[in-house]
């Protein structure tokens, strides 16, 4: 099976698109012996080298290309690499049905990964892993009549490590001994620094704060220097054991996006900070279930407000236990979840 994945990472858009596509690529490689190639632009904060370190072939596109040039660049890559492409997977807010129509003749099927529902698509399968109050109607008229829609967090792109940790998961105590701070792969507003400044104002006692810094974070040095001055804090750079860290944590402070589903899948109580508009609807929906508490928009928060909310949470054991329970309930307990559930649904198209 030959697969092309068209996605990007940058300081501006973060690393979430590439990370969820990597989970998909790993699954295809392991279970279908797929030959997977990523096609990515070379914007600042891209993960091209990192993907190559993961043993994937990467074709680089110029960051200034418009959608049509982007399509022809992808077609050129296909012509040079493969006799035939079975799947083109596109996870990109800047591409729509026009790009997909250009690629139609180069592949048997197109999978689109989306969570905005703000544009039309020409695809065979559309996957939206987010929770939305209008989930069942938001793609009406935006996809072909025969397009298969896979909607909801039961289709979340979780790496295999999360399933291992879920099987080992024990009942949480509600006592906060370890806090995980991760504001995405790029964190363009340096929200991580705002959060750790807030935490440093608290009486942390014997609590430990794990601060995860993404590969595209431009403020890495500032964060590391701050954390070195306080033994409560420990920094981790572009970790490969996020599931293990979440399982060992008692409370998380993070952004929306794919890490929302990772936290929920492991029943990790969390406070979510909104960094981008595309995180708002799903965060509101998750908060309505009781699985997280939204602190609000990054731009409206200061370290004092964050400190007050976290300080209260340290003393609210029952609230954290309930949040954990709601998060696990939201993700379900079926053996066939996530990427496995996706391919169980579309196996007739393989």
Protein backbone atom coordinates (compact mmCIF):
# COMPACT_ATOMS: atom_id res chain seq x y z
CA UNK A 1 0.00 0.00 0.00
CA UNK A 2 1.39 3.39 -1.03
CA UNK A 3 0.21 6.38 1.01
CA UNK A 4 0.83 10.11 0.66
CA UNK A 5 0.16 12.33 3.69
CA UNK A 6 -0.13 16.05 3.04
CA UNK A 7 0.19 18.03 6.25
CA UNK A 8 2.24 20.82 7.83
CA UNK A 9 3.75 22.04 11.08
CA UNK A 10 5.04 25.50 11.91
CA UNK A 11 5.44 27.96 14.75
CA UNK A 12 2.19 29.60 13.63
CA UNK A 13 -0.05 26.51 13.27
CA UNK A 14 1.69 24.24 15.76
CA UNK A 15 2.55 20.56 15.44
CA UNK A 16 -0.83 18.91 16.06
CA UNK A 17 -1.58 18.09 12.41
CA UNK A 18 1.75 16.31 11.95
CA UNK A 19 1.50 14.50 15.28
CA UNK A 20 -1.91 13.00 14.58
CA UNK A 21 -0.82 12.06 11.05
CA UNK A 22 2.27 10.39 12.50
CA UNK A 23 0.02 8.19 14.65
CA UNK A 24 -1.90 7.25 11.51
CA UNK A 25 1.31 6.59 9.55
CA UNK A 26 2.71 4.37 12.30
CA UNK A 27 -0.52 2.33 12.34
CA UNK A 28 -0.52 1.91 8.54
CA UNK A 29 3.13 0.94 8.53
CA UNK A 30 2.74 -1.64 11.28
CA UNK A 31 -0.59 -3.19 10.29
CA UNK A 32 -0.64 -2.80 6.50
CA UNK A 33 3.10 -2.60 5.70
CA UNK A 34 2.32 0.71 4.03
CA UNK A 35 4.93 2.78 2.25
CA UNK A 36 4.15 6.25 3.67
CA UNK A 37 5.53 9.56 2.39
CA UNK A 38 4.88 12.92 4.02
CA UNK A 39 4.58 16.05 1.87
CA UNK A 40 5.20 19.18 3.97
CA UNK A 41 6.05 22.84 3.55
CA UNK A 42 9.32 24.20 4.92
CA UNK A 43 7.86 26.93 7.14
CA UNK A 44 9.69 27.92 10.33
CA UNK A 45 8.99 25.27 12.95
CA UNK A 46 8.40 22.47 10.43
CA UNK A 47 9.01 18.86 11.51
CA UNK A 48 10.52 17.55 8.27
CA UNK A 49 13.85 16.50 9.80
CA UNK A 50 12.07 15.01 12.81
CA UNK A 51 9.84 12.89 10.55
CA UNK A 52 12.89 11.67 8.66
CA UNK A 53 14.44 10.70 11.99
CA UNK A 54 11.31 8.58 12.45
CA UNK A 55 12.29 6.77 9.21
CA UNK A 56 9.68 8.40 6.98
CA UNK A 57 10.32 9.78 3.53
CA UNK A 58 9.56 13.53 3.39
CA UNK A 59 9.04 15.67 0.30
CA UNK A 60 9.51 19.37 1.03
CA UNK A 61 7.40 22.08 -0.60
CA UNK A 62 8.17 25.79 -0.71
CA UNK A 63 6.25 27.60 2.04
CA UNK A 64 5.08 30.36 -0.32
CA UNK A 65 3.08 28.13 -2.67
CA UNK A 66 -0.64 28.79 -3.20
CA UNK A 67 -3.11 25.87 -3.17
CA UNK A 68 -2.80 25.18 -6.91
CA UNK A 69 1.00 25.20 -6.86
CA UNK A 70 0.78 23.05 -3.75
CA UNK A 71 -1.34 20.53 -5.67
CA UNK A 72 1.08 20.38 -8.57
CA UNK A 73 4.01 20.02 -6.17
CA UNK A 74 2.29 17.04 -4.55
CA UNK A 75 1.50 15.53 -7.97
CA UNK A 76 5.15 15.92 -8.97
CA UNK A 77 6.21 14.11 -5.81
CA UNK A 78 3.80 11.25 -6.56
CA UNK A 79 5.05 10.95 -10.14
CA UNK A 80 8.63 10.69 -8.94
CA UNK A 81 7.94 8.25 -6.12
CA UNK A 82 5.18 5.82 -7.04
CA UNK A 83 3.61 3.99 -9.94
CA UNK A 84 0.31 4.13 -8.06
CA UNK A 85 -0.98 5.73 -4.85
CA UNK A 86 -3.66 3.92 -2.89
CA UNK A 87 -4.46 6.68 -0.42
CA UNK A 88 -3.89 10.40 -0.20
CA UNK A 89 -4.48 11.65 3.33
CA UNK A 90 -4.79 15.42 3.73
CA UNK A 91 -4.83 17.16 7.11
CA UNK A 92 -4.63 20.85 6.32
CA UNK A 93 -6.93 23.82 7.04
CA UNK A 94 -5.66 25.67 3.94
CA UNK A 95 -6.70 22.99 1.41
CA UNK A 96 -10.19 22.13 0.20
CA UNK A 97 -12.13 20.45 -2.64
CA UNK A 98 -10.16 22.32 -5.32
CA UNK A 99 -6.86 20.78 -4.18
CA UNK A 100 -8.52 17.40 -3.73
CA UNK A 101 -10.02 17.46 -7.24
CA UNK A 102 -6.57 18.14 -8.70
CA UNK A 103 -5.24 15.02 -6.93
CA UNK A 104 -8.19 12.77 -7.81
CA UNK A 105 -6.61 11.10 -10.82
CA UNK A 106 -3.44 10.26 -8.88
CA UNK A 107 -5.04 8.04 -6.24
CA UNK A 108 -7.68 5.43 -5.58
CA UNK A 109 -9.11 7.22 -2.55
CA UNK A 110 -8.79 10.45 -0.55
CA UNK A 111 -9.10 10.73 3.23
CA UNK A 112 -9.61 14.19 4.72
CA UNK A 113 -8.95 14.96 8.37
CA UNK A 114 -10.84 18.07 9.44
CA UNK A 115 -12.35 19.65 12.54
CA UNK A 116 -13.50 23.04 11.28
CA UNK A 117 -16.34 22.14 8.88
CA UNK A 118 -15.81 25.51 7.20
CA UNK A 119 -15.14 24.43 3.60
CA UNK A 120 -16.18 21.88 0.98
CA UNK A 121 -14.32 18.64 0.33
CA UNK A 122 -14.06 16.11 -2.49
CA UNK A 123 -13.12 13.01 -0.53
CA UNK A 124 -14.10 9.39 0.09
CA UNK A 125 -13.71 9.49 3.87
CA UNK A 126 -13.79 12.45 6.25
CA UNK A 127 -12.60 12.07 9.84
CA UNK A 128 -13.34 14.60 12.55
CA UNK A 129 -12.11 13.36 15.93
CA UNK A 130 -13.50 16.29 17.89
CA UNK A 131 -16.62 16.60 20.00
CA UNK A 132 -19.10 19.19 18.80
CA UNK A 133 -22.66 19.92 19.84
CA UNK A 134 -23.65 19.96 16.12
CA UNK A 135 -21.46 17.03 15.10
CA UNK A 136 -24.06 15.13 13.08
CA UNK A 137 -25.10 18.08 10.93
CA UNK A 138 -22.04 20.28 10.50
CA UNK A 139 -20.75 18.56 7.35
CA UNK A 140 -24.09 18.43 5.50
CA UNK A 141 -23.55 19.84 2.00
CA UNK A 142 -19.78 20.01 2.46
CA UNK A 143 -18.88 16.48 1.32
CA UNK A 144 -19.96 14.22 -1.60
CA UNK A 145 -23.13 12.13 -1.02
CA UNK A 146 -21.12 8.90 -0.90
CA UNK A 147 -18.46 10.23 1.49
CA UNK A 148 -18.11 8.17 4.67
CA UNK A 149 -18.14 10.39 7.77
CA UNK A 150 -16.35 9.22 10.92
CA UNK A 151 -17.17 11.75 13.61
CA UNK A 152 -16.35 12.02 17.30
CA UNK A 153 -13.56 11.34 19.82
CA UNK A 154 -13.95 7.57 19.42
CA UNK A 155 -11.92 8.12 16.25
CA UNK A 156 -9.17 10.14 17.96
CA UNK A 157 -5.68 9.64 16.54
CA UNK A 158 -3.98 8.18 19.58
CA UNK A 159 -0.57 6.57 19.37
CA UNK A 160 -0.22 2.96 20.46
CA UNK A 161 1.45 3.97 23.71
CA UNK A 162 -1.84 5.45 24.96
CA UNK A 163 -3.61 2.09 24.67
CA UNK A 164 -0.82 0.43 26.63
CA UNK A 165 -1.14 2.98 29.43
CA UNK A 166 -4.95 2.78 29.42
CA UNK A 167 -4.77 -0.97 30.09
CA UNK A 168 -2.46 -0.35 33.08
CA UNK A 169 -4.46 2.60 34.41
CA UNK A 170 -5.50 2.46 38.07
CA UNK A 171 -8.06 4.55 39.94
CA UNK A 172 -6.78 8.08 40.51
CA UNK A 173 -6.72 9.39 44.08
CA UNK A 174 -7.70 13.01 43.45
CA UNK A 175 -4.62 14.17 45.34
CA UNK A 176 -2.32 16.37 43.25
CA UNK A 177 1.30 15.33 43.58
CA UNK A 178 2.35 15.80 39.96
CA UNK A 179 1.23 18.48 37.48
CA UNK A 180 1.81 18.25 33.72
CA UNK A 181 2.15 21.48 31.71
CA UNK A 182 2.03 21.21 27.92
CA UNK A 183 0.72 24.00 25.71
CA UNK A 184 1.32 22.42 22.31
CA UNK A 185 4.24 21.81 20.02
CA UNK A 186 4.83 25.46 19.14
CA UNK A 187 3.12 27.56 21.87
CA UNK A 188 3.37 30.80 19.81
CA UNK A 189 2.22 33.08 22.67
CA UNK A 190 4.60 31.60 25.25
CA UNK A 191 1.66 30.49 27.38
CA UNK A 192 3.89 27.89 29.01
CA UNK A 193 5.89 30.67 30.64
CA UNK A 194 2.71 32.32 31.89
CA UNK A 195 1.55 29.05 33.44
CA UNK A 196 4.83 28.18 35.16
CA UNK A 197 5.07 31.74 36.48
CA UNK A 198 1.60 31.24 37.98
CA UNK A 199 2.55 27.90 39.51
CA UNK A 200 5.74 29.36 41.01
CA UNK A 201 3.55 31.72 43.07
CA UNK A 202 1.90 28.79 44.87
CA UNK A 203 2.95 26.81 47.89
CA UNK A 204 3.86 23.67 45.94
CA UNK A 205 5.08 21.68 48.93
CA UNK A 206 6.37 18.34 47.61
CA UNK A 207 4.52 18.61 44.30
CA UNK A 208 6.43 18.18 41.04
CA UNK A 209 5.73 20.13 37.85
CA UNK A 210 6.62 18.46 34.54
CA UNK A 211 6.95 21.08 31.79
CA UNK A 212 6.89 19.66 28.25
CA UNK A 213 8.39 21.83 25.51
CA UNK A 214 7.48 21.08 21.89
CA UNK A 215 9.97 20.92 19.03
CA UNK A 216 8.73 24.18 17.47
CA UNK A 217 8.64 26.22 20.68
CA UNK A 218 10.67 29.42 20.09
CA UNK A 219 10.83 30.17 23.84
CA UNK A 220 12.61 26.95 24.86
CA UNK A 221 15.65 28.62 26.43
CA UNK A 222 13.62 31.08 28.51
CA UNK A 223 11.44 28.28 29.88
CA UNK A 224 14.41 26.05 30.68
CA UNK A 225 16.26 28.84 32.48
CA UNK A 226 13.20 29.64 34.60
CA UNK A 227 12.68 26.01 35.58
CA UNK A 228 16.33 25.50 36.52
CA UNK A 229 15.89 28.04 39.32
CA UNK A 230 13.16 26.05 41.10
CA UNK A 231 13.54 22.37 42.03
CA UNK A 232 9.78 21.82 41.76
CA UNK A 233 10.03 22.15 37.96
CA UNK A 234 11.46 19.70 35.46
CA UNK A 235 11.61 20.37 31.70
CA UNK A 236 11.18 17.75 28.96
CA UNK A 237 11.82 18.44 25.28
CA UNK A 238 9.74 16.85 22.45
CA UNK A 239 8.95 13.77 24.51
CA UNK A 240 8.25 10.32 23.11
CA UNK A 241 6.60 9.07 26.32
CA UNK A 242 3.68 11.49 26.65
CA UNK A 243 1.24 8.71 27.51
CA UNK A 244 3.41 7.56 30.40
CA UNK A 245 3.76 11.13 31.67
CA UNK A 246 -0.01 11.67 31.51
CA UNK A 247 -0.70 8.40 33.32
CA UNK A 248 1.65 9.44 36.15
CA UNK A 249 0.25 12.97 36.44
CA UNK A 250 -2.62 14.03 38.68
CA UNK A 251 -3.54 17.28 36.92
CA UNK A 252 -2.75 18.79 33.51
CA UNK A 253 -2.74 22.35 32.22
CA UNK A 254 -2.84 22.40 28.45
CA UNK A 255 -4.27 23.61 25.18
CA UNK A 256 -7.12 22.24 23.13
CA UNK A 257 -6.48 20.01 20.14
CA UNK A 258 -5.31 16.41 20.04
CA UNK A 259 -3.88 16.50 23.58
CA UNK A 260 -7.45 16.99 24.84
CA UNK A 261 -8.29 13.45 23.70
CA UNK A 262 -5.02 12.07 25.00
CA UNK A 263 -5.75 13.50 28.46
CA UNK A 264 -9.35 12.30 28.41
CA UNK A 265 -8.39 8.80 27.25
CA UNK A 266 -6.20 8.41 30.33
CA UNK A 267 -8.70 10.06 32.68
CA UNK A 268 -6.36 12.93 33.47
CA UNK A 269 -8.16 15.92 35.06
CA UNK A 270 -7.26 19.07 33.17
CA UNK A 271 -7.54 22.80 32.82
CA UNK A 272 -7.68 23.90 29.19
CA UNK A 273 -6.46 27.24 27.86
CA UNK A 274 -7.74 28.36 24.45
CA UNK A 275 -4.95 29.31 22.07
CA UNK A 276 -6.84 29.34 18.75
CA UNK A 277 -10.40 29.64 17.46
CA UNK A 278 -10.39 26.09 16.10
CA UNK A 279 -10.05 24.84 19.70
CA UNK A 280 -13.07 26.70 21.03
CA UNK A 281 -16.07 24.57 19.98
CA UNK A 282 -14.60 21.23 20.98
CA UNK A 283 -13.29 22.61 24.28
CA UNK A 284 -16.73 24.01 25.10
CA UNK A 285 -18.30 20.66 24.25
CA UNK A 286 -15.82 18.73 26.41
CA UNK A 287 -16.32 21.18 29.29
CA UNK A 288 -20.08 20.66 29.04
CA UNK A 289 -19.54 16.96 29.82
CA UNK A 290 -17.49 17.80 32.91
CA UNK A 291 -14.29 16.25 31.52
CA UNK A 292 -12.26 19.49 31.65
CA UNK A 293 -12.47 23.04 32.95
CA UNK A 294 -11.72 25.84 30.51
CA UNK A 295 -9.73 28.73 31.97
CA UNK A 296 -10.54 30.92 28.95
CA UNK A 297 -8.59 32.59 26.19
CA UNK A 298 -4.83 32.91 26.51
CA UNK A 299 -4.95 36.64 25.78
CA UNK A 300 -7.35 37.32 28.67
CA UNK A 301 -5.49 35.32 31.30
CA UNK A 302 -2.74 36.53 33.58
CA UNK A 303 -0.61 34.44 35.91
CA UNK A 304 -2.59 35.57 38.97
CA UNK A 305 -5.89 34.22 37.59
CA UNK A 306 -4.23 30.94 36.64
CA UNK A 307 -2.62 30.65 40.07
CA UNK A 308 -5.96 31.17 41.86
CA UNK A 309 -7.72 28.48 39.80
CA UNK A 310 -4.96 25.91 40.22
CA UNK A 311 -4.62 26.61 43.94
CA UNK A 312 -8.34 25.88 44.39
CA UNK A 313 -8.04 22.66 42.38
CA UNK A 314 -5.31 21.37 44.70
CA UNK A 315 -7.94 21.27 47.46
CA UNK A 316 -10.85 19.90 45.39
CA UNK A 317 -10.22 16.17 45.44
CA UNK A 318 -13.79 15.16 44.64
CA UNK A 319 -13.98 17.56 41.68
CA UNK A 320 -10.80 16.09 40.18
CA UNK A 321 -12.06 12.53 40.66
CA UNK A 322 -15.34 13.44 38.95
CA UNK A 323 -13.45 15.11 36.10
CA UNK A 324 -11.37 11.96 35.63
CA UNK A 325 -14.48 9.79 35.58
CA UNK A 326 -16.22 12.04 33.03
CA UNK A 327 -13.13 12.07 30.79
CA UNK A 328 -12.92 8.27 30.69
CA UNK A 329 -16.65 8.05 30.06
CA UNK A 330 -16.39 10.47 27.15
CA UNK A 331 -13.79 8.33 25.37
CA UNK A 332 -15.60 5.04 25.93
CA UNK A 333 -14.14 1.65 26.78
CA UNK A 334 -14.50 -0.24 23.51
CA UNK A 335 -11.56 -2.38 22.41
CA UNK A 336 -11.96 -1.00 18.89
CA UNK A 337 -11.16 2.69 19.24
CA UNK A 338 -9.21 5.40 17.53
CA UNK A 339 -7.27 4.45 14.42
CA UNK A 340 -8.29 0.81 14.73
CA UNK A 341 -11.95 1.91 14.70
CA UNK A 342 -11.31 4.02 11.59
CA UNK A 343 -9.91 1.14 9.60
CA UNK A 344 -12.56 -1.25 10.86
CA UNK A 345 -15.15 1.15 9.38
CA UNK A 346 -13.41 1.65 6.02
CA UNK A 347 -11.96 -1.84 5.49
CA UNK A 348 -14.10 -2.31 2.36
CA UNK A 349 -12.18 0.58 0.76
CA UNK A 350 -8.73 -0.89 1.43
